[in-house]
Every structure is written in C-alpha cells, then in structure tokens.
Protein backbone atom coordinates (compact mmCIF):
# COMPACT_ATOMS: atom_id res chain seq x y z
CA MET A 1 123.39 160.90 177.70
CA VAL A 2 123.24 158.73 180.61
CA VAL A 3 126.13 158.90 183.25
CA VAL A 4 126.55 155.89 185.35
CA LEU A 5 128.46 156.74 188.56
CA ASP A 6 131.30 154.58 189.32
CA THR A 7 130.75 152.62 192.76
CA ARG A 8 134.54 152.67 193.64
CA VAL A 9 136.70 155.45 194.92
CA PRO A 10 140.05 155.94 192.92
CA GLY A 11 143.05 155.78 195.13
CA LYS A 12 141.21 154.35 198.29
CA ASP A 13 140.09 150.88 198.20
CA LEU A 14 138.19 148.35 196.18
CA ARG A 15 135.14 147.88 198.37
CA PRO A 16 131.91 148.90 196.58
CA ARG A 17 130.46 152.43 197.39
CA HIS A 18 127.13 150.68 198.31
CA PRO A 19 127.83 147.09 199.53
CA GLU A 20 124.12 146.53 200.23
CA LYS A 21 123.22 147.12 196.66
CA VAL A 22 125.84 144.77 195.00
CA ASN A 23 123.71 141.77 194.58
CA ARG A 24 120.53 143.65 193.55
CA PRO A 25 119.31 143.51 190.05
CA GLU A 26 119.91 146.25 187.85
CA THR A 27 117.24 148.47 186.66
CA PRO A 28 117.15 150.48 183.47
CA LEU A 29 118.15 154.20 183.61
CA LEU A 30 115.28 156.26 181.87
CA ARG A 31 116.34 158.87 179.40
CA LYS A 32 115.95 162.40 181.25
CA PRO A 33 113.60 164.83 179.67
CA GLU A 34 114.83 168.23 178.27
CA TRP A 35 113.66 170.12 181.38
CA ILE A 36 116.04 168.45 183.70
CA ARG A 37 119.20 168.43 181.89
CA VAL A 38 122.12 170.76 182.94
CA ARG A 39 125.24 171.87 181.67
CA ALA A 40 128.56 170.47 182.91
CA PRO A 41 130.49 172.55 185.62
CA GLY A 42 133.69 174.38 184.77
CA SER A 43 133.59 177.94 185.50
CA PRO A 44 136.60 179.87 187.20
CA VAL A 45 134.65 180.53 190.48
CA TYR A 46 133.56 176.78 190.46
CA ARG A 47 137.19 175.86 190.33
CA GLU A 48 137.93 178.32 193.14
CA THR A 49 135.25 176.91 195.44
CA GLN A 50 136.51 173.46 194.67
CA GLU A 51 139.93 174.28 195.62
CA ILE A 52 138.82 175.75 198.93
CA VAL A 53 136.81 172.65 199.77
CA LYS A 54 139.56 170.27 198.71
CA LYS A 55 142.35 172.38 200.61
CA ASN A 56 140.32 172.28 203.83
CA GLY A 57 139.75 168.59 203.50
CA LEU A 58 135.93 168.97 203.50
CA VAL A 59 133.18 166.74 202.24
CA THR A 60 130.34 168.30 200.31
CA VAL A 61 126.96 166.59 199.58
CA CYS A 62 127.03 168.49 196.31
CA GLU A 63 129.72 165.82 195.24
CA GLU A 64 128.79 162.81 197.34
CA ALA A 65 125.21 162.84 196.29
CA GLY A 66 125.94 163.75 192.63
CA CYS A 67 123.64 166.87 192.74
CA PRO A 68 122.77 168.10 189.34
CA ASN A 69 122.96 171.65 190.51
CA ILE A 70 126.76 171.66 191.66
CA GLY A 71 127.77 173.57 188.68
CA GLU A 72 125.44 176.47 189.15
CA CYS A 73 125.93 176.44 192.93
CA TRP A 74 129.66 176.39 193.16
CA SER A 75 129.88 179.09 190.46
CA LYS A 76 128.08 181.42 192.95
CA LYS A 77 130.31 179.96 195.77
CA HIS A 78 127.46 178.20 197.35
CA ALA A 79 128.14 174.65 198.84
CA THR A 80 126.45 172.51 201.20
CA PHE A 81 129.05 171.03 203.63
CA MET A 82 128.50 167.36 204.56
CA ILE A 83 130.10 166.72 208.17
CA MET A 84 131.01 163.52 210.11
CA GLY A 85 132.66 161.88 207.13
CA ASP A 86 131.53 160.50 203.78
CA THR A 87 130.08 157.25 204.97
CA CYS A 88 126.62 156.63 205.95
CA THR A 89 125.28 153.99 208.45
CA ARG A 90 121.99 153.73 206.54
CA ALA A 91 121.38 152.24 203.20
CA CYS A 92 118.58 154.29 201.61
CA ALA A 93 117.65 153.01 198.20
CA PHE A 94 117.77 156.45 196.62
CA CYS A 95 121.01 157.80 198.00
CA ASN A 96 124.49 157.88 196.37
CA VAL A 97 126.39 158.54 199.50
CA ARG A 98 128.79 155.79 200.49
CA THR A 99 127.41 153.29 203.05
CA GLY A 100 129.31 151.21 205.55
CA MET A 101 131.00 151.69 208.88
CA PRO A 102 132.33 155.40 209.31
CA GLN A 103 135.55 156.44 210.84
CA ALA A 104 135.97 158.24 213.99
CA LEU A 105 134.75 161.93 214.20
CA ASP A 106 137.42 164.67 213.08
CA LEU A 107 137.35 166.83 216.12
CA ALA A 108 139.14 169.57 214.21
CA GLU A 109 136.25 169.52 211.47
CA PRO A 110 134.07 172.36 213.05
CA GLU A 111 137.02 174.83 212.73
CA LYS A 112 137.75 173.74 209.20
CA VAL A 113 134.27 174.27 208.14
CA ALA A 114 134.14 177.52 209.80
CA GLU A 115 137.39 178.62 208.06
CA ALA A 116 135.99 177.50 204.63
CA VAL A 117 132.88 179.62 205.42
CA ALA A 118 134.94 182.63 206.24
CA LYS A 119 137.10 182.11 203.20
CA LEU A 120 134.18 181.79 200.67
CA GLY A 121 132.45 184.91 202.31
CA LEU A 122 129.07 182.98 202.45
CA GLN A 123 126.08 185.01 203.64
CA HIS A 124 124.08 181.70 204.04
CA VAL A 125 125.57 178.37 204.64
CA VAL A 126 124.15 174.66 204.66
CA ILE A 127 125.32 172.06 206.70
CA THR A 128 124.37 168.49 206.44
CA SER A 129 125.71 165.07 207.47
CA VAL A 130 125.71 161.26 206.88
CA ASP A 131 123.66 159.32 209.51
CA ARG A 132 125.85 158.37 212.28
CA ASP A 133 123.81 155.57 214.19
CA ASP A 134 127.05 154.37 215.70
CA LEU A 135 127.37 157.49 217.88
CA ALA A 136 125.67 157.60 221.06
CA ASP A 137 124.12 161.16 220.23
CA GLY A 138 123.81 160.51 216.51
CA GLY A 139 126.56 163.40 216.09
CA ALA A 140 124.42 166.11 217.72
CA LYS A 141 127.25 167.57 219.59
CA HIS A 142 129.27 167.67 216.47
CA PHE A 143 126.38 169.52 214.68
CA ALA A 144 126.30 172.03 217.60
CA ASP A 145 130.07 172.42 217.60
CA VAL A 146 130.06 173.23 213.72
CA ILE A 147 127.29 175.82 214.31
CA TYR A 148 129.22 177.51 217.29
CA ALA A 149 132.47 177.46 215.17
CA ILE A 150 130.92 179.38 212.19
CA ARG A 151 129.22 181.88 214.63
CA ARG A 152 132.80 182.67 215.86
CA ALA A 153 134.48 182.87 212.41
CA ALA A 154 131.51 184.22 210.29
CA PRO A 155 129.19 185.96 212.85
CA GLY A 156 127.21 187.56 209.87
CA THR A 157 126.51 184.19 208.21
CA THR A 158 123.18 182.63 208.59
CA ILE A 159 123.16 178.84 209.14
CA GLU A 160 120.75 176.27 207.92
CA ILE A 161 121.19 172.64 208.94
CA LEU A 162 119.93 169.49 207.34
CA THR A 163 120.03 166.73 209.81
CA PRO A 164 119.49 163.04 210.29
CA ASP A 165 116.45 161.93 212.13
CA PHE A 166 118.38 161.08 215.31
CA LEU A 167 116.38 157.76 215.70
CA ARG A 168 116.66 156.27 219.21
CA LYS A 169 118.99 159.09 220.22
CA PRO A 170 117.27 160.60 223.28
CA GLY A 171 118.28 164.28 223.98
CA ALA A 172 120.07 164.70 220.82
CA LEU A 173 117.78 167.07 219.04
CA GLU A 174 117.58 169.46 222.20
CA VAL A 175 121.53 169.77 221.82
CA VAL A 176 121.18 170.84 218.11
CA VAL A 177 118.26 173.30 218.67
CA GLU A 178 120.09 174.94 221.63
CA ALA A 179 122.82 175.93 219.25
CA ARG A 180 120.28 177.92 217.37
CA PRO A 181 120.76 177.49 213.62
CA ASP A 182 118.66 179.94 211.71
CA VAL A 183 116.80 177.11 209.84
CA PHE A 184 116.37 173.45 210.85
CA ASN A 185 115.74 171.20 208.02
CA HIS A 186 115.01 167.53 208.03
CA ASN A 187 113.63 165.87 204.99
CA LEU A 188 110.83 163.22 204.88
CA GLU A 189 112.12 162.25 201.44
CA THR A 190 109.05 160.45 200.33
CA VAL A 191 105.51 159.38 201.32
CA PRO A 192 104.84 156.81 204.11
CA SER A 193 103.81 153.97 201.75
CA LYS A 194 107.39 154.12 200.15
CA TYR A 195 109.66 154.09 203.33
CA LEU A 196 109.94 150.35 203.57
CA LYS A 197 111.71 150.26 200.08
CA VAL A 198 113.04 153.87 199.70
CA ARG A 199 114.08 154.67 203.34
CA PRO A 200 114.04 151.46 205.25
CA GLY A 201 116.13 152.71 208.31
CA ALA A 202 113.80 155.62 209.01
CA ARG A 203 110.35 156.14 210.40
CA TYR A 204 107.98 158.45 208.73
CA PHE A 205 106.13 159.53 211.90
CA HIS A 206 109.23 159.87 213.94
CA SER A 207 110.68 162.33 211.20
CA LEU A 208 107.45 164.21 211.40
CA ARG A 209 107.64 164.33 215.19
CA LEU A 210 111.17 165.56 215.06
CA LEU A 211 110.04 168.52 212.99
CA GLN A 212 107.11 169.13 215.28
CA ARG A 213 109.56 169.05 218.39
CA VAL A 214 111.67 171.78 216.96
CA LYS A 215 108.95 174.16 217.01
CA GLU A 216 108.10 173.25 220.56
CA LEU A 217 111.71 173.94 221.69
CA ASP A 218 112.07 177.06 219.65
CA PRO A 219 108.79 178.44 218.15
CA ASN A 220 110.77 181.19 216.23
CA MET A 221 113.27 178.79 214.39
CA PHE A 222 112.35 178.17 210.74
CA THR A 223 111.71 174.67 210.08
CA LYS A 224 111.94 173.08 206.66
CA SER A 225 111.43 169.64 204.90
CA GLY A 226 111.60 168.18 201.42
CA ILE A 227 110.48 165.11 199.30
CA MET A 228 111.36 163.49 195.94
CA VAL A 229 108.75 162.60 193.50
CA GLY A 230 108.92 160.16 190.74
CA LEU A 231 109.33 157.06 193.06
CA GLY A 232 105.94 155.67 192.51
CA GLU A 233 103.90 157.80 194.87
CA GLU A 234 100.42 158.89 194.35
CA ARG A 235 99.26 162.35 194.17
CA ASN A 236 96.87 162.12 197.18
CA GLU A 237 99.72 160.95 199.07
CA ILE A 238 101.64 163.98 198.47
CA LEU A 239 98.77 166.25 199.41
CA GLN A 240 98.36 164.19 202.62
CA LEU A 241 102.03 164.74 203.38
CA MET A 242 101.67 168.33 203.08
CA ASP A 243 98.87 168.39 205.61
CA ASP A 244 101.11 166.33 207.97
CA LEU A 245 103.86 168.86 207.40
CA ARG A 246 101.34 171.76 208.29
CA VAL A 247 100.16 170.03 211.51
CA ALA A 248 103.89 169.95 212.52
CA GLU A 249 103.98 173.77 211.71
CA VAL A 250 106.83 173.33 209.07
CA ASP A 251 107.52 176.62 207.43
CA PHE A 252 109.26 175.78 204.13
CA MET A 253 108.57 172.75 201.83
CA THR A 254 110.77 171.53 198.82
CA ILE A 255 109.76 169.11 196.12
CA GLY A 256 112.04 167.79 193.50
CA GLN A 257 112.33 165.25 190.82
CA TYR A 258 114.16 161.91 192.09
CA LEU A 259 116.97 160.99 189.80
CA GLN A 260 118.49 157.53 189.73
CA PRO A 261 122.35 157.52 190.65
CA SER A 262 123.01 154.04 189.31
CA ARG A 263 121.35 150.88 187.82
CA LYS A 264 121.46 149.42 191.40
CA HIS A 265 119.41 152.27 193.14
CA HIS A 266 115.65 152.46 193.24
CA PRO A 267 114.33 153.19 189.69
CA VAL A 268 112.88 156.43 188.48
CA ILE A 269 109.09 155.40 188.00
CA ARG A 270 108.30 158.52 186.00
CA PHE A 271 109.49 162.11 185.43
CA VAL A 272 107.01 164.55 186.71
CA THR A 273 106.31 167.46 184.45
CA PRO A 274 107.07 171.07 185.18
CA ASP A 275 103.30 171.79 185.19
CA GLU A 276 102.59 169.23 187.85
CA PHE A 277 105.40 170.78 190.01
CA LYS A 278 103.69 174.15 189.64
CA SER A 279 100.40 172.63 190.83
CA PHE A 280 102.07 171.24 193.87
CA GLU A 281 103.62 174.72 194.56
CA THR A 282 100.08 176.33 194.33
CA ILE A 283 98.43 173.70 196.45
CA ALA A 284 101.30 173.86 199.27
CA TYR A 285 100.98 177.67 199.37
CA ALA A 286 97.22 177.32 199.74
CA LYS A 287 97.78 174.99 202.59
CA GLY A 288 99.73 177.65 204.59
CA PHE A 289 103.45 177.10 203.95
CA LEU A 290 105.46 180.43 204.13
CA MET A 291 107.85 179.14 201.35
CA VAL A 292 107.56 176.46 198.64
CA SER A 293 110.15 175.49 196.30
CA SER A 294 108.63 172.93 193.76
CA SER A 295 110.53 172.18 190.34
CA PRO A 296 112.32 169.25 188.87
CA LEU A 297 115.70 170.47 189.93
CA THR A 298 114.69 171.66 193.38
CA ARG A 299 117.01 170.13 196.08
CA SER A 300 117.07 170.93 199.63
CA SER A 301 119.96 173.42 199.63
CA HIS A 302 119.36 174.87 196.05
CA HIS A 303 119.04 178.70 196.27
CA ALA A 304 119.02 178.27 200.15
CA GLY A 305 120.33 181.60 200.76
CA GLU A 306 117.84 183.39 198.39
CA ASP A 307 115.05 181.25 199.82
CA PHE A 308 116.17 182.13 203.39
CA ASP A 309 115.73 186.02 202.48
CA ARG A 310 112.29 185.20 201.19
CA LEU A 311 111.28 183.10 204.08
CA ARG A 312 111.98 185.92 206.54
CA ALA A 313 110.19 188.43 204.34
CA ALA A 314 107.10 186.11 204.29
CA ARG A 315 107.21 185.87 208.15
CA ARG A 316 107.37 189.68 208.50
CA ALA A 317 104.59 189.95 206.13
CA GLN A 318 102.50 187.37 207.91
CA HIS A 319 102.99 189.10 211.18
CA GLN A 320 102.10 192.61 209.64
CA SER A 321 98.81 191.40 208.25
C-alpha cells in the first residue's frame, strides 16, 4: 500500500507544505519491497510518548520527516526532538519537513525539551533542527542552550545532536562544540554528484570540513554522518564517500534506503537489497569506522542509544589493543 502524505497542515493554513515543489511534475511512487514495510504505530507506550511531546509543544523529526521507525522508537520512549520550529529555510528534494520562512525562536524551548527528556527518563537523546539560514548564527546558540538545559534537568542523559551545516555562519560550530554534546552528527545525505539535485542549498566539501573541524576542536568528541542510497548514486561513489569521511576522522557512519515522501519529491531510483547494505557495512568497517549501521530502515537516530553504548565500547577496545 502506498501512502501519499498530504501537503497541507489541518487547522493551520492552506499554504502548501513545499511551495518550491508545487509546479514540479509528479513522479511515480515505486511499490516498496517486503523488507522495508513496517507496522502502523499504536502501542500504549507510543501514545504516552506522543502525549508528552504534544503537552510540551515540541516538534519531532519522527513526525515531520515521516520516519518509518516512529512506531518502534516511540514504543520504547525514544524520540528525536527537532528544535527551532517546523519550517526549514532550505528546499532539499528528498525531505518532507515544511519549507518557507520560519517564525522567531521560542526562547523557552530549551527548558521545554529538557523537561520532556526528564519526564521520558531518556538515557540518550537526539536533538536535531531545521536549517535556519535566516539567523545570524544559524541557530548555534539555541543548540547550545538546549544542551545546557538538558544537562541541568537530566544530568545522566547522554546527548547526540544532528546539526545543519552552518554554511556561511562563521563561529557557529565552535559555539555548539563548546557545549560538549556526546555525539556530533551531521549528515552528508548523498554523494557529491547528486548534491545539485538532491541537496542544492548545501556544499559537500563544506559539510565534510565541518565534521573534520569538530575533531580539531575536540578530538574526544564522537562524530557521525549518514547517507541515503537509492537516489541514483554509483557504488564506487559510496566507497569514495566512505574514504572522505575517514579522512575527516568520522567515527560512525549510517546508510539507509531513501523513501520518497510524495510524488513531488525526488524519485526512488531503486530499492537497495539487504545483501548490498550488508556489503556496505563490511566495507565501512574495513575502512576503519568504529561503528556502522547499514540497513534499509537505518536512520540517523534509529537505535541511537544502543549504538552510542556500542560506540563507546568500540573506542575502549581500540585503545586497549
């Protein structure tokens, strides 16, 4: 069964969710293979998580990006909070997050997120955001404020952030790294040859340099990056991207299947098989990554808590060898 996501938000306004895509031709939605179908969410714990998120007026990338793992994650009280609103200033061809001019920052948001983290009793939390090119620092200080608030409210919780690229925002990265998250994640999303169509507002080598710079600022901070496959990339391009990430000393790589949110988004060129994902995992480990997650349903924050424990264990083993 194919589900086409509505581009309008009930009860808000009639503006399209993706105004830049309205006049694009529609592309067919390929039938999903058995290996990437998931059950609809609905467990009691899922509904409890949903209620805490709603009560605190929070936005999650789980909902906004239409993540296929939301049922599993929310049933385990795992959620990825998306800060700085639900509207992105970029217009990536793969993303289902609303695009347009965002509203002003909610200065109470750091405390709201921290309160939700404490209520959920999270051992590990993932914080991401929309791109905020409209802000002088790209939202770097807001990221830092959220990290500091969580440290106060839930000092035992480890924090993973998934940031924008802070393109043309000098000094922004330093502000975020100084707040000392446990994991700094920034996704390359795809291979360089696909950036013009898939991620036109970003620059591949800037994103790569961002990850490298994190290690220069704090060599002990874990770094992480991910890509989608099935967008028309070649296998040799993926292997070269792995090498680029290793040169930047990235510790953890994720690889997942791209799923097309609507007929207006970039089409799925093909569904990559589980065997191919396993092959990518084997190669990535051989190239020196401490952690690799490669499967059709892999997403940046899927199993993030368990993966963080494994990441720390891998570093300890590396230092002992």
